[in-house]
Amino acid sequence: GKLPEQGSFLSIDTPEVVVTAVKKAHEGNAVIVRLFNPTSGMVRSTLSCGFDSKSVELVNMLEQPGSRSQRIEQQGRNIGFDIGAKKIQTLRIEIYDR
């Protein structure tokens, strides 16, 4: 097929939130994305993926499931979430097998 002239693997819509790490998950067909909010307030942000994903969940630094109380919204290739002040947040994005 034909590829677009430009693209992005991941992009974030808010300059306040910093993507600090992107790596393959230890288990499964997933990508780990670590984010940091250096500001003194909560920030609502959307992470846009350049790939289709099955599911998204919050995990801890050891890639174990995290808080179920925090809401993550997945719409197509966009993942919406809140990140607290001075917080590090880790997302596990499950990718479709090819």
N, C-alpha and C. Protein backbone atom coordinates (compact mmCIF):
# COMPACT_ATOMS: atom_id res chain seq x y z
N GLY A 1 0.82 -1.19 0.00
CA GLY A 1 0.00 0.00 0.00
C GLY A 1 0.86 1.24 0.00
N LYS A 2 0.20 2.34 -0.10
CA LYS A 2 0.88 3.63 -0.14
C LYS A 2 0.92 4.24 1.27
N LEU A 3 2.10 4.69 1.66
CA LEU A 3 2.27 5.31 2.96
C LEU A 3 2.11 6.82 2.84
N PRO A 4 1.60 7.47 3.91
CA PRO A 4 1.51 8.94 3.89
C PRO A 4 2.91 9.56 3.90
N GLU A 5 3.00 10.81 3.46
CA GLU A 5 4.28 11.50 3.41
C GLU A 5 4.87 11.70 4.80
N GLN A 6 4.02 11.86 5.79
CA GLN A 6 4.50 11.99 7.16
C GLN A 6 3.53 11.32 8.12
N GLY A 7 4.02 10.98 9.30
CA GLY A 7 3.18 10.34 10.29
C GLY A 7 3.87 10.39 11.64
N SER A 8 3.15 9.95 12.64
CA SER A 8 3.70 9.97 13.98
C SER A 8 3.29 8.69 14.70
N PHE A 9 4.21 8.07 15.39
CA PHE A 9 3.92 6.87 16.16
C PHE A 9 3.02 7.23 17.34
N LEU A 10 3.36 8.32 18.04
CA LEU A 10 2.57 8.85 19.16
C LEU A 10 2.66 10.36 19.16
N SER A 11 1.59 11.02 19.57
CA SER A 11 1.64 12.46 19.78
C SER A 11 0.70 12.81 20.94
N ILE A 12 1.01 13.87 21.63
CA ILE A 12 0.23 14.31 22.79
C ILE A 12 -0.28 15.72 22.49
N ASP A 13 -1.53 16.00 22.88
CA ASP A 13 -2.14 17.27 22.51
C ASP A 13 -1.88 18.42 23.48
N THR A 14 -1.26 18.15 24.61
CA THR A 14 -1.02 19.20 25.60
C THR A 14 0.48 19.35 25.84
N PRO A 15 1.00 20.57 25.72
CA PRO A 15 2.43 20.77 25.93
C PRO A 15 2.86 20.55 27.38
N GLU A 16 1.90 20.59 28.32
CA GLU A 16 2.24 20.41 29.73
C GLU A 16 2.63 18.96 30.06
N VAL A 17 2.12 18.00 29.30
CA VAL A 17 2.40 16.59 29.56
C VAL A 17 3.58 16.14 28.70
N VAL A 18 4.53 15.46 29.34
CA VAL A 18 5.76 15.03 28.67
C VAL A 18 5.75 13.51 28.52
N VAL A 19 5.98 13.02 27.31
CA VAL A 19 6.17 11.58 27.10
C VAL A 19 7.62 11.30 27.46
N THR A 20 7.84 10.50 28.52
CA THR A 20 9.20 10.26 29.00
C THR A 20 9.78 8.93 28.54
N ALA A 21 8.91 7.99 28.15
CA ALA A 21 9.41 6.68 27.70
C ALA A 21 8.37 6.00 26.82
N VAL A 22 8.87 5.28 25.82
CA VAL A 22 8.05 4.43 24.97
C VAL A 22 8.86 3.16 24.75
N LYS A 23 8.25 2.00 25.09
CA LYS A 23 8.98 0.75 24.94
C LYS A 23 8.01 -0.40 24.74
N LYS A 24 8.53 -1.51 24.30
CA LYS A 24 7.73 -2.72 24.17
C LYS A 24 7.46 -3.26 25.57
N ALA A 25 6.24 -3.76 25.79
CA ALA A 25 5.89 -4.34 27.08
C ALA A 25 6.67 -5.63 27.32
N HIS A 26 6.91 -5.95 28.59
CA HIS A 26 7.61 -7.19 28.93
C HIS A 26 6.83 -8.42 28.47
N GLU A 27 5.49 -8.34 28.55
CA GLU A 27 4.65 -9.47 28.16
C GLU A 27 3.60 -9.00 27.15
N GLY A 28 3.27 -9.90 26.23
CA GLY A 28 2.21 -9.61 25.27
C GLY A 28 2.64 -8.70 24.15
N ASN A 29 1.67 -8.40 23.29
CA ASN A 29 1.89 -7.53 22.14
C ASN A 29 1.39 -6.13 22.50
N ALA A 30 2.20 -5.40 23.26
CA ALA A 30 1.79 -4.10 23.77
C ALA A 30 2.95 -3.13 23.82
N VAL A 31 2.59 -1.86 23.90
CA VAL A 31 3.55 -0.77 24.03
C VAL A 31 3.31 -0.10 25.38
N ILE A 32 4.37 0.22 26.08
CA ILE A 32 4.30 0.96 27.34
C ILE A 32 4.65 2.41 27.05
N VAL A 33 3.78 3.32 27.51
CA VAL A 33 4.04 4.76 27.34
C VAL A 33 4.01 5.39 28.73
N ARG A 34 5.11 6.02 29.10
CA ARG A 34 5.21 6.68 30.40
C ARG A 34 5.12 8.18 30.17
N LEU A 35 4.28 8.83 31.00
CA LEU A 35 4.01 10.25 30.86
C LEU A 35 4.26 10.96 32.18
N PHE A 36 4.58 12.25 32.11
CA PHE A 36 4.84 13.03 33.32
C PHE A 36 4.17 14.40 33.19
N ASN A 37 3.51 14.81 34.27
CA ASN A 37 2.92 16.14 34.35
C ASN A 37 3.73 16.95 35.36
N PRO A 38 4.61 17.85 34.89
CA PRO A 38 5.44 18.62 35.82
C PRO A 38 4.73 19.83 36.42
N THR A 39 3.49 20.09 36.02
CA THR A 39 2.78 21.28 36.50
C THR A 39 2.19 21.06 37.88
N SER A 40 1.67 22.15 38.46
CA SER A 40 1.08 22.10 39.79
C SER A 40 -0.42 21.83 39.77
N GLY A 41 -0.97 21.47 38.60
CA GLY A 41 -2.39 21.18 38.50
C GLY A 41 -2.66 19.95 37.66
N MET A 42 -3.86 19.39 37.81
CA MET A 42 -4.26 18.25 36.99
C MET A 42 -4.42 18.70 35.54
N VAL A 43 -4.06 17.83 34.62
CA VAL A 43 -4.15 18.15 33.19
C VAL A 43 -4.96 17.05 32.50
N ARG A 44 -5.91 17.46 31.65
CA ARG A 44 -6.64 16.55 30.78
C ARG A 44 -5.88 16.50 29.47
N SER A 45 -5.57 15.30 28.99
CA SER A 45 -4.75 15.18 27.79
C SER A 45 -5.26 14.05 26.90
N THR A 46 -4.88 14.10 25.64
CA THR A 46 -5.20 13.05 24.68
C THR A 46 -3.91 12.61 24.00
N LEU A 47 -3.68 11.29 24.04
CA LEU A 47 -2.55 10.68 23.35
C LEU A 47 -3.09 10.10 22.05
N SER A 48 -2.51 10.48 20.93
CA SER A 48 -2.92 9.97 19.63
C SER A 48 -1.89 8.96 19.14
N CYS A 49 -2.37 7.79 18.73
CA CYS A 49 -1.49 6.71 18.28
C CYS A 49 -1.52 6.61 16.76
N GLY A 50 -0.39 6.28 16.19
CA GLY A 50 -0.31 6.06 14.75
C GLY A 50 -0.60 4.62 14.39
N PHE A 51 -1.30 3.90 15.26
CA PHE A 51 -1.61 2.49 15.06
C PHE A 51 -2.93 2.17 15.77
N ASP A 52 -3.58 1.10 15.34
CA ASP A 52 -4.81 0.67 15.99
C ASP A 52 -4.47 -0.12 17.24
N SER A 53 -5.27 0.05 18.29
CA SER A 53 -5.01 -0.68 19.53
C SER A 53 -6.27 -1.40 19.99
N LYS A 54 -6.06 -2.54 20.65
CA LYS A 54 -7.16 -3.35 21.21
C LYS A 54 -7.70 -2.73 22.47
N SER A 55 -6.78 -2.37 23.37
CA SER A 55 -7.19 -1.88 24.69
C SER A 55 -6.08 -1.03 25.30
N VAL A 56 -6.46 -0.30 26.33
CA VAL A 56 -5.52 0.54 27.07
C VAL A 56 -5.81 0.39 28.55
N GLU A 57 -4.75 0.29 29.35
CA GLU A 57 -4.95 0.25 30.79
C GLU A 57 -3.82 0.97 31.50
N LEU A 58 -4.12 1.49 32.70
CA LEU A 58 -3.08 2.07 33.54
C LEU A 58 -2.33 0.94 34.21
N VAL A 59 -1.02 1.06 34.23
CA VAL A 59 -0.18 0.08 34.91
C VAL A 59 0.81 0.83 35.79
N ASN A 60 1.45 0.09 36.70
CA ASN A 60 2.48 0.71 37.53
C ASN A 60 3.84 0.60 36.82
N MET A 61 4.88 0.99 37.50
CA MET A 61 6.22 0.97 36.89
C MET A 61 6.69 -0.44 36.56
N LEU A 62 6.10 -1.46 37.21
CA LEU A 62 6.45 -2.85 36.93
C LEU A 62 5.53 -3.46 35.87
N GLU A 63 4.70 -2.61 35.25
CA GLU A 63 3.75 -3.02 34.20
C GLU A 63 2.64 -3.91 34.72
N GLN A 64 2.33 -3.78 36.01
CA GLN A 64 1.21 -4.50 36.61
C GLN A 64 0.00 -3.59 36.61
N PRO A 65 -1.22 -4.16 36.45
CA PRO A 65 -2.43 -3.32 36.42
C PRO A 65 -2.48 -2.36 37.60
N GLY A 66 -2.87 -1.14 37.29
CA GLY A 66 -2.92 -0.09 38.30
C GLY A 66 -4.34 0.22 38.73
N SER A 67 -4.58 1.46 39.04
CA SER A 67 -5.87 1.92 39.56
C SER A 67 -6.98 1.75 38.54
N ARG A 68 -8.05 1.11 38.97
CA ARG A 68 -9.24 0.96 38.11
C ARG A 68 -10.18 2.16 38.27
N SER A 69 -9.92 2.99 39.29
CA SER A 69 -10.80 4.11 39.56
C SER A 69 -10.57 5.28 38.60
N GLN A 70 -9.39 5.34 38.02
CA GLN A 70 -9.10 6.43 37.09
C GLN A 70 -9.62 6.06 35.70
N ARG A 71 -10.32 6.98 35.11
CA ARG A 71 -10.96 6.74 33.81
C ARG A 71 -10.02 7.04 32.65
N ILE A 72 -10.02 6.12 31.70
CA ILE A 72 -9.30 6.31 30.44
C ILE A 72 -10.35 6.15 29.34
N GLU A 73 -10.37 7.07 28.41
CA GLU A 73 -11.31 7.00 27.29
C GLU A 73 -10.56 6.68 26.01
N GLN A 74 -10.96 5.61 25.37
CA GLN A 74 -10.33 5.22 24.11
C GLN A 74 -11.36 5.38 23.00
N GLN A 75 -11.04 6.24 22.04
CA GLN A 75 -11.90 6.45 20.86
C GLN A 75 -11.02 6.34 19.63
N GLY A 76 -11.16 5.23 18.93
CA GLY A 76 -10.31 5.00 17.76
C GLY A 76 -8.85 4.97 18.17
N ARG A 77 -8.08 5.83 17.57
CA ARG A 77 -6.64 5.89 17.87
C ARG A 77 -6.29 6.92 18.94
N ASN A 78 -7.31 7.50 19.58
CA ASN A 78 -7.09 8.52 20.60
C ASN A 78 -7.39 7.98 21.99
N ILE A 79 -6.54 8.33 22.96
CA ILE A 79 -6.68 7.89 24.33
C ILE A 79 -6.72 9.13 25.21
N GLY A 80 -7.86 9.37 25.85
CA GLY A 80 -8.03 10.52 26.73
C GLY A 80 -7.85 10.12 28.18
N PHE A 81 -7.21 10.98 28.96
CA PHE A 81 -6.95 10.68 30.37
C PHE A 81 -6.63 11.96 31.14
N ASP A 82 -6.76 11.88 32.45
CA ASP A 82 -6.33 12.94 33.35
C ASP A 82 -5.04 12.49 34.00
N ILE A 83 -4.13 13.45 34.21
CA ILE A 83 -2.89 13.14 34.91
C ILE A 83 -2.70 14.20 35.99
N GLY A 84 -2.53 13.75 37.21
CA GLY A 84 -2.42 14.65 38.36
C GLY A 84 -1.15 15.47 38.37
N ALA A 85 -1.17 16.49 39.20
CA ALA A 85 -0.02 17.39 39.36
C ALA A 85 1.21 16.63 39.82
N LYS A 86 2.33 16.90 39.16
CA LYS A 86 3.62 16.30 39.52
C LYS A 86 3.59 14.77 39.51
N LYS A 87 2.74 14.18 38.68
CA LYS A 87 2.56 12.72 38.65
C LYS A 87 3.18 12.10 37.41
N ILE A 88 3.64 10.85 37.59
CA ILE A 88 4.07 9.99 36.49
C ILE A 88 2.95 8.99 36.27
N GLN A 89 2.58 8.77 35.03
CA GLN A 89 1.51 7.82 34.69
C GLN A 89 2.01 6.90 33.59
N THR A 90 1.68 5.62 33.69
CA THR A 90 2.12 4.65 32.71
C THR A 90 0.91 3.97 32.07
N LEU A 91 0.87 3.97 30.75
CA LEU A 91 -0.20 3.32 29.98
C LEU A 91 0.35 2.09 29.28
N ARG A 92 -0.45 1.04 29.28
CA ARG A 92 -0.12 -0.18 28.51
C ARG A 92 -1.13 -0.24 27.37
N ILE A 93 -0.64 -0.13 26.15
CA ILE A 93 -1.50 -0.10 24.96
C ILE A 93 -1.32 -1.42 24.23
N GLU A 94 -2.38 -2.23 24.25
CA GLU A 94 -2.35 -3.54 23.59
C GLU A 94 -2.57 -3.33 22.08
N ILE A 95 -1.69 -3.93 21.28
CA ILE A 95 -1.74 -3.78 19.83
C ILE A 95 -2.32 -5.03 19.19
N TYR A 96 -3.08 -4.84 18.12
CA TYR A 96 -3.61 -6.00 17.38
C TYR A 96 -2.49 -6.83 16.80
N ASP A 97 -2.63 -8.16 16.87
CA ASP A 97 -1.67 -9.05 16.22
C ASP A 97 -1.88 -8.98 14.72
N ARG A 98 -0.83 -9.12 13.98
CA ARG A 98 -0.95 -9.09 12.52
C ARG A 98 -0.86 -10.48 11.96
